[in-house]
Amino acid sequence: MSVRPVLSASETSKISRNHIRGGQGFYGAKTVLYGDFPQSIAENQRELEKLYQAKDLHPTGKVYRFDSADLRDFDPPYQERVCEEYFYADEKYIRVKAKLSGVMNVLSNGQEPKADRIYW
C-alpha cells in the first residue's frame, strides 16, 4: 500500500522552491517532497473508527489528495482520492481505505494491510 499526496497543476506555481526537497523519478514523473503527509499507522484504530462512525471527530478543514490508481494502470494515470484530516486528543489523523499495490504492502507498525480495510 502506498500513499502519494499530489497537487493539482494550478497549485504548483504557488510553491516556493525553498520548500521542496529533492526526489526521484517514478514511472517517468519526478517525485518531490513538499509539505506534510501521514507518517504512521495509528495505534488506536478501533477507537478512531468508532468516533468517526458516531460523528464525534472534528475535521480540521485540511484534506490530503492521493493518487489511488493502480501502479500498473496507466489509463487513467491518476485517480484522485481525497481524505479529510481530523483532530482528536491533540493529534491529527486521516482515514484511508487500503488499496494494495501488490508490492511492499507493509504498514509502519510492521503489519500487512488488508484490502479495502479502513486504516487511521
PDB file of N, CA and C in Angstrom:
ATOM      1  N   MET A   1       0.857  -1.157   0.000  1.00  0.00           N
ATOM      2  CA  MET A   1       0.000   0.000   0.000  1.00  0.00           C
ATOM      3  C   MET A   1       0.902   1.217   0.000  1.00  0.00           C
ATOM      4  N   SER A   2       0.649   2.137  -0.904  1.00  0.00           N
ATOM      5  CA  SER A   2       1.446   3.355  -0.923  1.00  0.00           C
ATOM      6  C   SER A   2       0.530   4.557  -0.903  1.00  0.00           C
ATOM      7  N   VAL A   3       1.040   5.625  -0.385  1.00  0.00           N
ATOM      8  CA  VAL A   3       0.295   6.874  -0.323  1.00  0.00           C
ATOM      9  C   VAL A   3       1.178   7.942  -0.940  1.00  0.00           C
ATOM     10  N   ARG A   4       0.690   8.597  -1.961  1.00  0.00           N
ATOM     11  CA  ARG A   4       1.426   9.657  -2.618  1.00  0.00           C
ATOM     12  C   ARG A   4       0.541  10.891  -2.720  1.00  0.00           C
ATOM     13  N   PRO A   5       0.735  11.853  -1.814  1.00  0.00           N
ATOM     14  CA  PRO A   5      -0.029  13.097  -1.924  1.00  0.00           C
ATOM     15  C   PRO A   5       0.320  13.792  -3.233  1.00  0.00           C
ATOM     16  N   VAL A   6      -0.649  14.465  -3.804  1.00  0.00           N
ATOM     17  CA  VAL A   6      -0.419  15.168  -5.066  1.00  0.00           C
ATOM     18  C   VAL A   6      -1.039  16.554  -5.008  1.00  0.00           C
ATOM     19  N   LEU A   7      -0.582  17.417  -5.894  1.00  0.00           N
ATOM     20  CA  LEU A   7      -1.131  18.760  -6.023  1.00  0.00           C
ATOM     21  C   LEU A   7      -1.728  18.908  -7.399  1.00  0.00           C
ATOM     22  N   SER A   8      -2.781  19.689  -7.493  1.00  0.00           N
ATOM     23  CA  SER A   8      -3.334  19.964  -8.815  1.00  0.00           C
ATOM     24  C   SER A   8      -2.368  20.895  -9.547  1.00  0.00           C
ATOM     25  N   ALA A   9      -2.374  20.843 -10.857  1.00  0.00           N
ATOM     26  CA  ALA A   9      -1.452  21.652 -11.653  1.00  0.00           C
ATOM     27  C   ALA A   9      -1.593  23.134 -11.355  1.00  0.00           C
ATOM     28  N   SER A  10      -2.794  23.609 -11.042  1.00  0.00           N
ATOM     29  CA  SER A  10      -2.998  25.029 -10.782  1.00  0.00           C
ATOM     30  C   SER A  10      -2.335  25.488  -9.493  1.00  0.00           C
ATOM     31  N   GLU A  11      -2.005  24.544  -8.587  1.00  0.00           N
ATOM     32  CA  GLU A  11      -1.397  24.910  -7.313  1.00  0.00           C
ATOM     33  C   GLU A  11       0.121  24.897  -7.353  1.00  0.00           C
ATOM     34  N   THR A  12       0.720  24.249  -8.335  1.00  0.00           N
ATOM     35  CA  THR A  12       2.174  24.079  -8.325  1.00  0.00           C
ATOM     36  C   THR A  12       2.922  25.394  -8.506  1.00  0.00           C
ATOM     37  N   SER A  13       2.353  26.364  -9.182  1.00  0.00           N
ATOM     38  CA  SER A  13       3.046  27.638  -9.381  1.00  0.00           C
ATOM     39  C   SER A  13       3.175  28.430  -8.081  1.00  0.00           C
ATOM     40  N   LYS A  14       2.409  28.079  -7.061  1.00  0.00           N
ATOM     41  CA  LYS A  14       2.434  28.782  -5.791  1.00  0.00           C
ATOM     42  C   LYS A  14       3.488  28.227  -4.828  1.00  0.00           C
ATOM     43  N   ILE A  15       4.173  27.172  -5.232  1.00  0.00           N
ATOM     44  CA  ILE A  15       5.138  26.509  -4.356  1.00  0.00           C
ATOM     45  C   ILE A  15       6.492  27.196  -4.456  1.00  0.00           C
ATOM     46  N   SER A  16       7.040  27.578  -3.329  1.00  0.00           N
ATOM     47  CA  SER A  16       8.377  28.155  -3.279  1.00  0.00           C
ATOM     48  C   SER A  16       9.401  27.033  -3.407  1.00  0.00           C
ATOM     49  N   ARG A  17      10.417  27.234  -4.216  1.00  0.00           N
ATOM     50  CA  ARG A  17      11.459  26.217  -4.393  1.00  0.00           C
ATOM     51  C   ARG A  17      12.186  25.919  -3.081  1.00  0.00           C
ATOM     52  N   ASN A  18      12.155  26.843  -2.136  1.00  0.00           N
ATOM     53  CA  ASN A  18      12.797  26.633  -0.835  1.00  0.00           C
ATOM     54  C   ASN A  18      12.090  25.565  -0.006  1.00  0.00           C
ATOM     55  N   HIS A  19      10.839  25.240  -0.344  1.00  0.00           N
ATOM     56  CA  HIS A  19      10.061  24.278   0.414  1.00  0.00           C
ATOM     57  C   HIS A  19      10.059  22.873  -0.189  1.00  0.00           C
ATOM     58  N   ILE A  20      10.736  22.711  -1.307  1.00  0.00           N
ATOM     59  CA  ILE A  20      10.751  21.418  -1.992  1.00  0.00           C
ATOM     60  C   ILE A  20      12.048  20.685  -1.675  1.00  0.00           C
ATOM     61  N   ARG A  21      11.936  19.433  -1.322  1.00  0.00           N
ATOM     62  CA  ARG A  21      13.113  18.583  -1.092  1.00  0.00           C
ATOM     63  C   ARG A  21      13.259  17.639  -2.283  1.00  0.00           C
ATOM     64  N   GLY A  22      14.483  17.350  -2.669  1.00  0.00           N
ATOM     65  CA  GLY A  22      14.770  16.516  -3.837  1.00  0.00           C
ATOM     66  C   GLY A  22      14.056  15.187  -3.821  1.00  0.00           C
ATOM     67  N   GLY A  23      13.764  14.685  -4.985  1.00  0.00           N
ATOM     68  CA  GLY A  23      13.059  13.416  -5.096  1.00  0.00           C
ATOM     69  C   GLY A  23      13.689  12.544  -6.157  1.00  0.00           C
ATOM     70  N   GLN A  24      12.948  11.544  -6.543  1.00  0.00           N
ATOM     71  CA  GLN A  24      13.446  10.595  -7.526  1.00  0.00           C
ATOM     72  C   GLN A  24      12.422  10.408  -8.621  1.00  0.00           C
ATOM     73  N   GLY A  25      12.828   9.808  -9.715  1.00  0.00           N
ATOM     74  CA  GLY A  25      11.903   9.535 -10.805  1.00  0.00           C
ATOM     75  C   GLY A  25      10.986   8.373 -10.468  1.00  0.00           C
ATOM     76  N   PHE A  26       9.765   8.413 -10.915  1.00  0.00           N
ATOM     77  CA  PHE A  26       8.794   7.361 -10.667  1.00  0.00           C
ATOM     78  C   PHE A  26       7.943   7.212 -11.912  1.00  0.00           C
ATOM     79  N   TYR A  27       8.168   6.165 -12.667  1.00  0.00           N
ATOM     80  CA  TYR A  27       7.442   5.933 -13.920  1.00  0.00           C
ATOM     81  C   TYR A  27       7.449   7.175 -14.811  1.00  0.00           C
ATOM     82  N   GLY A  28       8.605   7.786 -14.934  1.00  0.00           N
ATOM     83  CA  GLY A  28       8.737   8.927 -15.823  1.00  0.00           C
ATOM     84  C   GLY A  28       8.341  10.256 -15.205  1.00  0.00           C
ATOM     85  N   ALA A  29       7.863  10.265 -13.980  1.00  0.00           N
ATOM     86  CA  ALA A  29       7.462  11.512 -13.317  1.00  0.00           C
ATOM     87  C   ALA A  29       8.450  11.813 -12.198  1.00  0.00           C
ATOM     88  N   LYS A  30       8.750  13.063 -12.009  1.00  0.00           N
ATOM     89  CA  LYS A  30       9.644  13.481 -10.931  1.00  0.00           C
ATOM     90  C   LYS A  30       8.848  13.506  -9.632  1.00  0.00           C
ATOM     91  N   THR A  31       9.380  12.867  -8.614  1.00  0.00           N
ATOM     92  CA  THR A  31       8.740  12.851  -7.309  1.00  0.00           C
ATOM     93  C   THR A  31       9.522  13.768  -6.384  1.00  0.00           C
ATOM     94  N   VAL A  32       8.831  14.714  -5.764  1.00  0.00           N
ATOM     95  CA  VAL A  32       9.467  15.612  -4.799  1.00  0.00           C
ATOM     96  C   VAL A  32       8.681  15.577  -3.505  1.00  0.00           C
ATOM     97  N   LEU A  33       9.325  15.947  -2.435  1.00  0.00           N
ATOM     98  CA  LEU A  33       8.657  16.010  -1.137  1.00  0.00           C
ATOM     99  C   LEU A  33       8.287  17.452  -0.842  1.00  0.00           C
ATOM    100  N   TYR A  34       7.048  17.664  -0.461  1.00  0.00           N
ATOM    101  CA  TYR A  34       6.571  19.011  -0.171  1.00  0.00           C
ATOM    102  C   TYR A  34       5.501  18.930   0.897  1.00  0.00           C
ATOM    103  N   GLY A  35       5.619  19.707   1.934  1.00  0.00           N
ATOM    104  CA  GLY A  35       4.570  19.802   2.941  1.00  0.00           C
ATOM    105  C   GLY A  35       4.481  18.587   3.844  1.00  0.00           C
ATOM    106  N   ASP A  36       3.305  18.407   4.420  1.00  0.00           N
ATOM    107  CA  ASP A  36       3.040  17.323   5.362  1.00  0.00           C
ATOM    108  C   ASP A  36       2.331  16.179   4.660  1.00  0.00           C
ATOM    109  N   PHE A  37       2.582  14.987   5.144  1.00  0.00           N
ATOM    110  CA  PHE A  37       1.757  13.851   4.750  1.00  0.00           C
ATOM    111  C   PHE A  37       1.858  12.788   5.829  1.00  0.00           C
ATOM    112  N   PRO A  38       0.842  11.944   5.941  1.00  0.00           N
ATOM    113  CA  PRO A  38       0.783  10.964   7.033  1.00  0.00           C
ATOM    114  C   PRO A  38       2.038  10.104   7.097  1.00  0.00           C
ATOM    115  N   GLN A  39       2.484   9.827   8.323  1.00  0.00           N
ATOM    116  CA  GLN A  39       3.730   9.107   8.519  1.00  0.00           C
ATOM    117  C   GLN A  39       3.560   7.699   9.065  1.00  0.00           C
ATOM    118  N   SER A  40       2.558   7.473   9.888  1.00  0.00           N
ATOM    119  CA  SER A  40       2.457   6.156  10.518  1.00  0.00           C
ATOM    120  C   SER A  40       1.011   5.788  10.818  1.00  0.00           C
ATOM    121  N   ILE A  41       0.822   4.509  11.039  1.00  0.00           N
ATOM    122  CA  ILE A  41      -0.494   3.968  11.365  1.00  0.00           C
ATOM    123  C   ILE A  41      -0.803   4.281  12.833  1.00  0.00           C
ATOM    124  N   ALA A  42      -2.034   4.667  13.122  1.00  0.00           N
ATOM    125  CA  ALA A  42      -2.421   4.992  14.496  1.00  0.00           C
ATOM    126  C   ALA A  42      -2.592   3.717  15.315  1.00  0.00           C
ATOM    127  N   GLU A  43      -2.241   3.796  16.574  1.00  0.00           N
ATOM    128  CA  GLU A  43      -2.390   2.636  17.458  1.00  0.00           C
ATOM    129  C   GLU A  43      -3.842   2.439  17.896  1.00  0.00           C
ATOM    130  N   ASN A  44      -4.623   3.499  17.908  1.00  0.00           N
ATOM    131  CA  ASN A  44      -5.999   3.447  18.408  1.00  0.00           C
ATOM    132  C   ASN A  44      -7.020   3.351  17.269  1.00  0.00           C
ATOM    133  N   GLN A  45      -6.824   2.388  16.364  1.00  0.00           N
ATOM    134  CA  GLN A  45      -7.678   2.201  15.191  1.00  0.00           C
ATOM    135  C   GLN A  45      -9.168   2.072  15.534  1.00  0.00           C
ATOM    136  N   ARG A  46      -9.484   1.160  16.428  1.00  0.00           N
ATOM    137  CA  ARG A  46     -10.901   0.898  16.754  1.00  0.00           C
ATOM    138  C   ARG A  46     -11.564   2.112  17.382  1.00  0.00           C
ATOM    139  N   GLU A  47     -10.852   2.776  18.272  1.00  0.00           N
ATOM    140  CA  GLU A  47     -11.397   3.972  18.930  1.00  0.00           C
ATOM    141  C   GLU A  47     -11.685   5.073  17.909  1.00  0.00           C
ATOM    142  N   LEU A  48     -10.755   5.305  16.994  1.00  0.00           N
ATOM    143  CA  LEU A  48     -10.946   6.339  15.988  1.00  0.00           C
ATOM    144  C   LEU A  48     -12.114   6.016  15.057  1.00  0.00           C
ATOM    145  N   GLU A  49     -12.221   4.768  14.650  1.00  0.00           N
ATOM    146  CA  GLU A  49     -13.320   4.399  13.752  1.00  0.00           C
ATOM    147  C   GLU A  49     -14.664   4.520  14.458  1.00  0.00           C
ATOM    148  N   LYS A  50     -14.715   4.144  15.715  1.00  0.00           N
ATOM    149  CA  LYS A  50     -15.953   4.276  16.490  1.00  0.00           C
ATOM    150  C   LYS A  50     -16.356   5.744  16.611  1.00  0.00           C
ATOM    151  N   LEU A  51     -15.401   6.612  16.895  1.00  0.00           N
ATOM    152  CA  LEU A  51     -15.671   8.048  16.986  1.00  0.00           C
ATOM    153  C   LEU A  51     -16.099   8.611  15.630  1.00  0.00           C
ATOM    154  N   TYR A  52     -15.468   8.139  14.567  1.00  0.00           N
ATOM    155  CA  TYR A  52     -15.815   8.585  13.222  1.00  0.00           C
ATOM    156  C   TYR A  52     -17.262   8.210  12.895  1.00  0.00           C
ATOM    157  N   GLN A  53     -17.622   6.957  13.144  1.00  0.00           N
ATOM    158  CA  GLN A  53     -18.980   6.494  12.856  1.00  0.00           C
ATOM    159  C   GLN A  53     -20.026   7.259  13.670  1.00  0.00           C
ATOM    160  N   ALA A  54     -19.661   7.657  14.896  1.00  0.00           N
ATOM    161  CA  ALA A  54     -20.572   8.419  15.758  1.00  0.00           C
ATOM    162  C   ALA A  54     -20.529   9.914  15.449  1.00  0.00           C
ATOM    163  N   LYS A  55     -19.702  10.304  14.453  1.00  0.00           N
ATOM    164  CA  LYS A  55     -19.522  11.707  14.071  1.00  0.00           C
ATOM    165  C   LYS A  55     -18.985  12.556  15.222  1.00  0.00           C
ATOM    166  N   ASP A  56     -18.108  11.942  16.028  1.00  0.00           N
ATOM    167  CA  ASP A  56     -17.513  12.624  17.173  1.00  0.00           C
ATOM    168  C   ASP A  56     -16.079  13.087  16.934  1.00  0.00           C
ATOM    169  N   LEU A  57     -15.587  12.965  15.710  1.00  0.00           N
ATOM    170  CA  LEU A  57     -14.267  13.507  15.373  1.00  0.00           C
ATOM    171  C   LEU A  57     -14.456  14.875  14.738  1.00  0.00           C
ATOM    172  N   HIS A  58     -13.509  15.753  14.967  1.00  0.00           N
ATOM    173  CA  HIS A  58     -13.624  17.125  14.473  1.00  0.00           C
ATOM    174  C   HIS A  58     -12.709  17.344  13.269  1.00  0.00           C
ATOM    175  N   PRO A  59     -13.292  17.658  12.095  1.00  0.00           N
ATOM    176  CA  PRO A  59     -12.464  17.931  10.913  1.00  0.00           C
ATOM    177  C   PRO A  59     -11.616  19.179  11.132  1.00  0.00           C
ATOM    178  N   THR A  60     -10.383  19.159  10.638  1.00  0.00           N
ATOM    179  CA  THR A  60      -9.508  20.325  10.750  1.00  0.00           C
ATOM    180  C   THR A  60      -9.736  21.297   9.604  1.00  0.00           C
ATOM    181  N   GLY A  61     -10.393  20.834   8.544  1.00  0.00           N
ATOM    182  CA  GLY A  61     -10.561  21.659   7.354  1.00  0.00           C
ATOM    183  C   GLY A  61      -9.503  21.366   6.298  1.00  0.00           C
ATOM    184  N   LYS A  62      -8.485  20.589   6.662  1.00  0.00           N
ATOM    185  CA  LYS A  62      -7.424  20.229   5.732  1.00  0.00           C
ATOM    186  C   LYS A  62      -7.762  18.895   5.080  1.00  0.00           C
ATOM    187  N   VAL A  63      -7.414  18.751   3.807  1.00  0.00           N
ATOM    188  CA  VAL A  63      -7.604  17.481   3.111  1.00  0.00           C
ATOM    189  C   VAL A  63      -6.279  17.048   2.490  1.00  0.00           C
ATOM    190  N   TYR A  64      -6.139  15.757   2.299  1.00  0.00           N
ATOM    191  CA  TYR A  64      -4.987  15.176   1.625  1.00  0.00           C
ATOM    192  C   TYR A  64      -5.476  14.575   0.325  1.00  0.00           C
ATOM    193  N   ARG A  65      -4.733  14.797  -0.735  1.00  0.00           N
ATOM    194  CA  ARG A  65      -5.085  14.257  -2.047  1.00  0.00           C
ATOM    195  C   ARG A  65      -4.046  13.204  -2.418  1.00  0.00           C
ATOM    196  N   PHE A  66      -4.536  12.021  -2.751  1.00  0.00           N
ATOM    197  CA  PHE A  66      -3.665  10.903  -3.074  1.00  0.00           C
ATOM    198  C   PHE A  66      -3.987  10.363  -4.452  1.00  0.00           C
ATOM    199  N   ASP A  67      -2.986   9.803  -5.068  1.00  0.00           N
ATOM    200  CA  ASP A  67      -3.185   9.079  -6.313  1.00  0.00           C
ATOM    201  C   ASP A  67      -3.557   7.655  -5.941  1.00  0.00           C
ATOM    202  N   SER A  68      -4.766   7.232  -6.277  1.00  0.00           N
ATOM    203  CA  SER A  68      -5.206   5.882  -5.922  1.00  0.00           C
ATOM    204  C   SER A  68      -5.216   4.942  -7.122  1.00  0.00           C
ATOM    205  N   ALA A  69      -4.627   5.369  -8.229  1.00  0.00           N
ATOM    206  CA  ALA A  69      -4.551   4.487  -9.402  1.00  0.00           C
ATOM    207  C   ALA A  69      -3.607   3.333  -9.107  1.00  0.00           C
ATOM    208  N   ASP A  70      -3.889   2.194  -9.674  1.00  0.00           N
ATOM    209  CA  ASP A  70      -3.009   1.038  -9.541  1.00  0.00           C
ATOM    210  C   ASP A  70      -1.663   1.381 -10.175  1.00  0.00           C
ATOM    211  N   LEU A  71      -0.582   0.934  -9.568  1.00  0.00           N
ATOM    212  CA  LEU A  71       0.750   1.240 -10.087  1.00  0.00           C
ATOM    213  C   LEU A  71       0.956   0.759 -11.517  1.00  0.00           C
ATOM    214  N   ARG A  72       0.229  -0.275 -11.918  1.00  0.00           N
ATOM    215  CA  ARG A  72       0.374  -0.812 -13.276  1.00  0.00           C
ATOM    216  C   ARG A  72      -0.657  -0.230 -14.233  1.00  0.00           C
ATOM    217  N   ASP A  73      -1.504   0.655 -13.754  1.00  0.00           N
ATOM    218  CA  ASP A  73      -2.584   1.209 -14.572  1.00  0.00           C
ATOM    219  C   ASP A  73      -2.193   2.588 -15.076  1.00  0.00           C
ATOM    220  N   PHE A  74      -1.949   2.705 -16.361  1.00  0.00           N
ATOM    221  CA  PHE A  74      -1.548   3.989 -16.931  1.00  0.00           C
ATOM    222  C   PHE A  74      -2.707   4.712 -17.609  1.00  0.00           C
ATOM    223  N   ASP A  75      -3.900   4.129 -17.601  1.00  0.00           N
ATOM    224  CA  ASP A  75      -5.042   4.760 -18.245  1.00  0.00           C
ATOM    225  C   ASP A  75      -6.278   4.589 -17.375  1.00  0.00           C
ATOM    226  N   PRO A  76      -6.699   5.551 -16.592  1.00  0.00           N
ATOM    227  CA  PRO A  76      -6.054   6.861 -16.460  1.00  0.00           C
ATOM    228  C   PRO A  76      -4.838   6.760 -15.551  1.00  0.00           C
ATOM    229  N   PRO A  77      -3.848   7.628 -15.778  1.00  0.00           N
ATOM    230  CA  PRO A  77      -2.630   7.545 -14.988  1.00  0.00           C
ATOM    231  C   PRO A  77      -2.796   8.075 -13.563  1.00  0.00           C
ATOM    232  N   TYR A  78      -3.864   8.799 -13.317  1.00  0.00           N
ATOM    233  CA  TYR A  78      -4.060   9.400 -11.996  1.00  0.00           C
ATOM    234  C   TYR A  78      -5.538   9.333 -11.620  1.00  0.00           C
ATOM    235  N   GLN A  79      -5.816   8.808 -10.437  1.00  0.00           N
ATOM    236  CA  GLN A  79      -7.185   8.769  -9.917  1.00  0.00           C
ATOM    237  C   GLN A  79      -7.146   9.365  -8.521  1.00  0.00           C
ATOM    238  N   GLU A  80      -7.718  10.535  -8.398  1.00  0.00           N
ATOM    239  CA  GLU A  80      -7.639  11.256  -7.135  1.00  0.00           C
ATOM    240  C   GLU A  80      -8.517  10.640  -6.049  1.00  0.00           C
ATOM    241  N   ARG A  81      -7.945  10.546  -4.862  1.00  0.00           N
ATOM    242  CA  ARG A  81      -8.679  10.153  -3.663  1.00  0.00           C
ATOM    243  C   ARG A  81      -8.448  11.267  -2.648  1.00  0.00           C
ATOM    244  N   VAL A  82      -9.518  11.786  -2.069  1.00  0.00           N
ATOM    245  CA  VAL A  82      -9.422  12.879  -1.101  1.00  0.00           C
ATOM    246  C   VAL A  82      -9.739  12.335   0.288  1.00  0.00           C
ATOM    247  N   CYS A  83      -8.845  12.600   1.236  1.00  0.00           N
ATOM    248  CA  CYS A  83      -9.032  12.163   2.623  1.00  0.00           C
ATOM    249  C   CYS A  83      -9.016  13.382   3.526  1.00  0.00           C
ATOM    250  N   GLU A  84     -10.030  13.488   4.332  1.00  0.00           N
ATOM    251  CA  GLU A  84     -10.156  14.617   5.254  1.00  0.00           C
ATOM    252  C   GLU A  84      -9.318  14.363   6.503  1.00  0.00           C
ATOM    253  N   GLU A  85      -8.755  15.434   7.044  1.00  0.00           N
ATOM    254  CA  GLU A  85      -7.973  15.333   8.272  1.00  0.00           C
ATOM    255  C   GLU A  85      -8.878  15.620   9.470  1.00  0.00           C
ATOM    256  N   TYR A  86      -8.671  14.860  10.550  1.00  0.00           N
ATOM    257  CA  TYR A  86      -9.454  15.017  11.787  1.00  0.00           C
ATOM    258  C   TYR A  86      -8.520  15.271  12.953  1.00  0.00           C
ATOM    259  N   PHE A  87      -9.050  15.940  13.964  1.00  0.00           N
ATOM    260  CA  PHE A  87      -8.292  16.249  15.175  1.00  0.00           C
ATOM    261  C   PHE A  87      -8.934  15.527  16.350  1.00  0.00           C
ATOM    262  N   TYR A  88      -8.114  14.810  17.110  1.00  0.00           N
ATOM    263  CA  TYR A  88      -8.615  14.104  18.283  1.00  0.00           C
ATOM    264  C   TYR A  88      -7.474  13.926  19.283  1.00  0.00           C
ATOM    265  N   ALA A  89      -7.717  14.265  20.529  1.00  0.00           N
ATOM    266  CA  ALA A  89      -6.753  14.088  21.625  1.00  0.00           C
ATOM    267  C   ALA A  89      -5.379  14.671  21.270  1.00  0.00           C
ATOM    268  N   ASP A  90      -5.397  15.905  20.787  1.00  0.00           N
ATOM    269  CA  ASP A  90      -4.168  16.640  20.447  1.00  0.00           C
ATOM    270  C   ASP A  90      -3.350  16.016  19.322  1.00  0.00           C
ATOM    271  N   GLU A  91      -3.978  15.176  18.500  1.00  0.00           N
ATOM    272  CA  GLU A  91      -3.295  14.550  17.361  1.00  0.00           C
ATOM    273  C   GLU A  91      -4.144  14.732  16.106  1.00  0.00           C
ATOM    274  N   LYS A  92      -3.506  14.677  14.952  1.00  0.00           N
ATOM    275  CA  LYS A  92      -4.202  14.755  13.663  1.00  0.00           C
ATOM    276  C   LYS A  92      -4.187  13.378  13.005  1.00  0.00           C
ATOM    277  N   TYR A  93      -5.306  13.041  12.373  1.00  0.00           N
ATOM    278  CA  TYR A  93      -5.460  11.728  11.745  1.00  0.00           C
ATOM    279  C   TYR A  93      -6.168  11.869  10.401  1.00  0.00           C
ATOM    280  N   ILE A  94      -5.912  10.916   9.513  1.00  0.00           N
ATOM    281  CA  ILE A  94      -6.742  10.780   8.320  1.00  0.00           C
ATOM    282  C   ILE A  94      -7.214   9.333   8.250  1.00  0.00           C
ATOM    283  N   ARG A  95      -8.326   9.138   7.581  1.00  0.00           N
ATOM    284  CA  ARG A  95      -8.944   7.821   7.424  1.00  0.00           C
ATOM    285  C   ARG A  95      -8.737   7.387   5.975  1.00  0.00           C
ATOM    286  N   VAL A  96      -8.109   6.228   5.790  1.00  0.00           N
ATOM    287  CA  VAL A  96      -7.774   5.743   4.449  1.00  0.00           C
ATOM    288  C   VAL A  96      -8.265   4.319   4.279  1.00  0.00           C
ATOM    289  N   LYS A  97      -8.885   4.049   3.143  1.00  0.00           N
ATOM    290  CA  LYS A  97      -9.283   2.689   2.796  1.00  0.00           C
ATOM    291  C   LYS A  97      -8.132   2.057   2.021  1.00  0.00           C
ATOM    292  N   ALA A  98      -7.640   0.923   2.490  1.00  0.00           N
ATOM    293  CA  ALA A  98      -6.464   0.281   1.895  1.00  0.00           C
ATOM    294  C   ALA A  98      -6.741  -0.200   0.480  1.00  0.00           C
ATOM    295  N   LYS A  99      -5.837   0.145  -0.387  1.00  0.00           N
ATOM    296  CA  LYS A  99      -5.837  -0.356  -1.761  1.00  0.00           C
ATOM    297  C   LYS A  99      -4.436  -0.890  -1.989  1.00  0.00           C
ATOM    298  N   LEU A 100      -4.309  -2.187  -2.058  1.00  0.00           N
ATOM    299  CA  LEU A 100      -2.998  -2.821  -2.128  1.00  0.00           C
ATOM    300  C   LEU A 100      -2.401  -2.721  -3.529  1.00  0.00           C
ATOM    301  N   SER A 101      -1.102  -2.470  -3.562  1.00  0.00           N
ATOM    302  CA  SER A 101      -0.419  -2.313  -4.849  1.00  0.00           C
ATOM    303  C   SER A 101       0.191  -3.608  -5.346  1.00  0.00           C
ATOM    304  N   GLY A 102       0.307  -4.592  -4.465  1.00  0.00           N
ATOM    305  CA  GLY A 102       0.943  -5.835  -4.841  1.00  0.00           C
ATOM    306  C   GLY A 102       2.445  -5.821  -4.593  1.00  0.00           C
ATOM    307  N   VAL A 103       2.963  -4.678  -4.193  1.00  0.00           N
ATOM    308  CA  VAL A 103       4.396  -4.530  -3.936  1.00  0.00           C
ATOM    309  C   VAL A 103       4.572  -3.826  -2.594  1.00  0.00           C
ATOM    310  N   MET A 104       5.408  -4.389  -1.735  1.00  0.00           N
ATOM    311  CA  MET A 104       5.755  -3.764  -0.456  1.00  0.00           C
ATOM    312  C   MET A 104       4.529  -3.304   0.344  1.00  0.00           C
ATOM    313  N   ASN A 105       3.593  -4.186   0.585  1.00  0.00           N
ATOM    314  CA  ASN A 105       2.409  -3.858   1.361  1.00  0.00           C
ATOM    315  C   ASN A 105       2.679  -4.088   2.845  1.00  0.00           C
ATOM    316  N   VAL A 106       3.287  -3.096   3.487  1.00  0.00           N
ATOM    317  CA  VAL A 106       3.604  -3.178   4.903  1.00  0.00           C
ATOM    318  C   VAL A 106       3.292  -1.833   5.541  1.00  0.00           C
ATOM    319  N   LEU A 107       2.573  -1.870   6.658  1.00  0.00           N
ATOM    320  CA  LEU A 107       2.262  -0.651   7.391  1.00  0.00           C
ATOM    321  C   LEU A 107       3.444  -0.261   8.272  1.00  0.00           C
ATOM    322  N   SER A 108       3.420   0.943   8.807  1.00  0.00           N
ATOM    323  CA  SER A 108       4.523   1.418   9.640  1.00  0.00           C
ATOM    324  C   SER A 108       4.688   0.601  10.915  1.00  0.00           C
ATOM    325  N   ASN A 109       3.645  -0.125  11.328  1.00  0.00           N
ATOM    326  CA  ASN A 109       3.744  -0.968  12.529  1.00  0.00           C
ATOM    327  C   ASN A 109       4.212  -2.389  12.188  1.00  0.00           C
ATOM    328  N   GLY A 110       4.581  -2.619  10.924  1.00  0.00           N
ATOM    329  CA  GLY A 110       5.099  -3.913  10.505  1.00  0.00           C
ATOM    330  C   GLY A 110       4.046  -4.896  10.026  1.00  0.00           C
ATOM    331  N   GLN A 111       2.775  -4.576  10.195  1.00  0.00           N
ATOM    332  CA  GLN A 111       1.710  -5.484   9.773  1.00  0.00           C
ATOM    333  C   GLN A 111       1.402  -5.318   8.292  1.00  0.00           C
ATOM    334  N   GLU A 112       0.852  -6.380   7.711  1.00  0.00           N
ATOM    335  CA  GLU A 112       0.397  -6.307   6.324  1.00  0.00           C
ATOM    336  C   GLU A 112      -1.029  -5.772   6.305  1.00  0.00           C
ATOM    337  N   PRO A 113      -1.312  -4.769   5.475  1.00  0.00           N
ATOM    338  CA  PRO A 113      -2.674  -4.253   5.403  1.00  0.00           C
ATOM    339  C   PRO A 113      -3.598  -5.238   4.689  1.00  0.00           C
ATOM    340  N   LYS A 114      -4.869  -5.144   4.987  1.00  0.00           N
ATOM    341  CA  LYS A 114      -5.891  -5.958   4.329  1.00  0.00           C
ATOM    342  C   LYS A 114      -6.612  -5.074   3.317  1.00  0.00           C
ATOM    343  N   ALA A 115      -6.836  -5.593   2.124  1.00  0.00           N
ATOM    344  CA  ALA A 115      -7.505  -4.833   1.068  1.00  0.00           C
ATOM    345  C   ALA A 115      -8.866  -4.340   1.526  1.00  0.00           C
ATOM    346  N   ASP A 116      -9.172  -3.109   1.214  1.00  0.00           N
ATOM    347  CA  ASP A 116     -10.454  -2.462   1.479  1.00  0.00           C
ATOM    348  C   ASP A 116     -10.744  -2.228   2.967  1.00  0.00           C
ATOM    349  N   ARG A 117      -9.801  -2.479   3.830  1.00  0.00           N
ATOM    350  CA  ARG A 117      -9.970  -2.199   5.241  1.00  0.00           C
ATOM    351  C   ARG A 117      -9.640  -0.725   5.512  1.00  0.00           C
ATOM    352  N   ILE A 118     -10.298  -0.167   6.509  1.00  0.00           N
ATOM    353  CA  ILE A 118     -10.052   1.221   6.893  1.00  0.00           C
ATOM    354  C   ILE A 118      -8.879   1.289   7.870  1.00  0.00           C
ATOM    355  N   TYR A 119      -7.975   2.236   7.601  1.00  0.00           N
ATOM    356  CA  TYR A 119      -6.833   2.471   8.495  1.00  0.00           C
ATOM    357  C   TYR A 119      -6.778   3.948   8.842  1.00  0.00           C
ATOM    358  N   TRP A 120      -6.287   4.236  10.031  1.00  0.00           N
ATOM    359  CA  TRP A 120      -6.096   5.608  10.517  1.00  0.00           C
ATOM    360  C   TRP A 120      -4.623   5.845  10.725  1.00  0.00           C
TER     361      TRP A 120
END
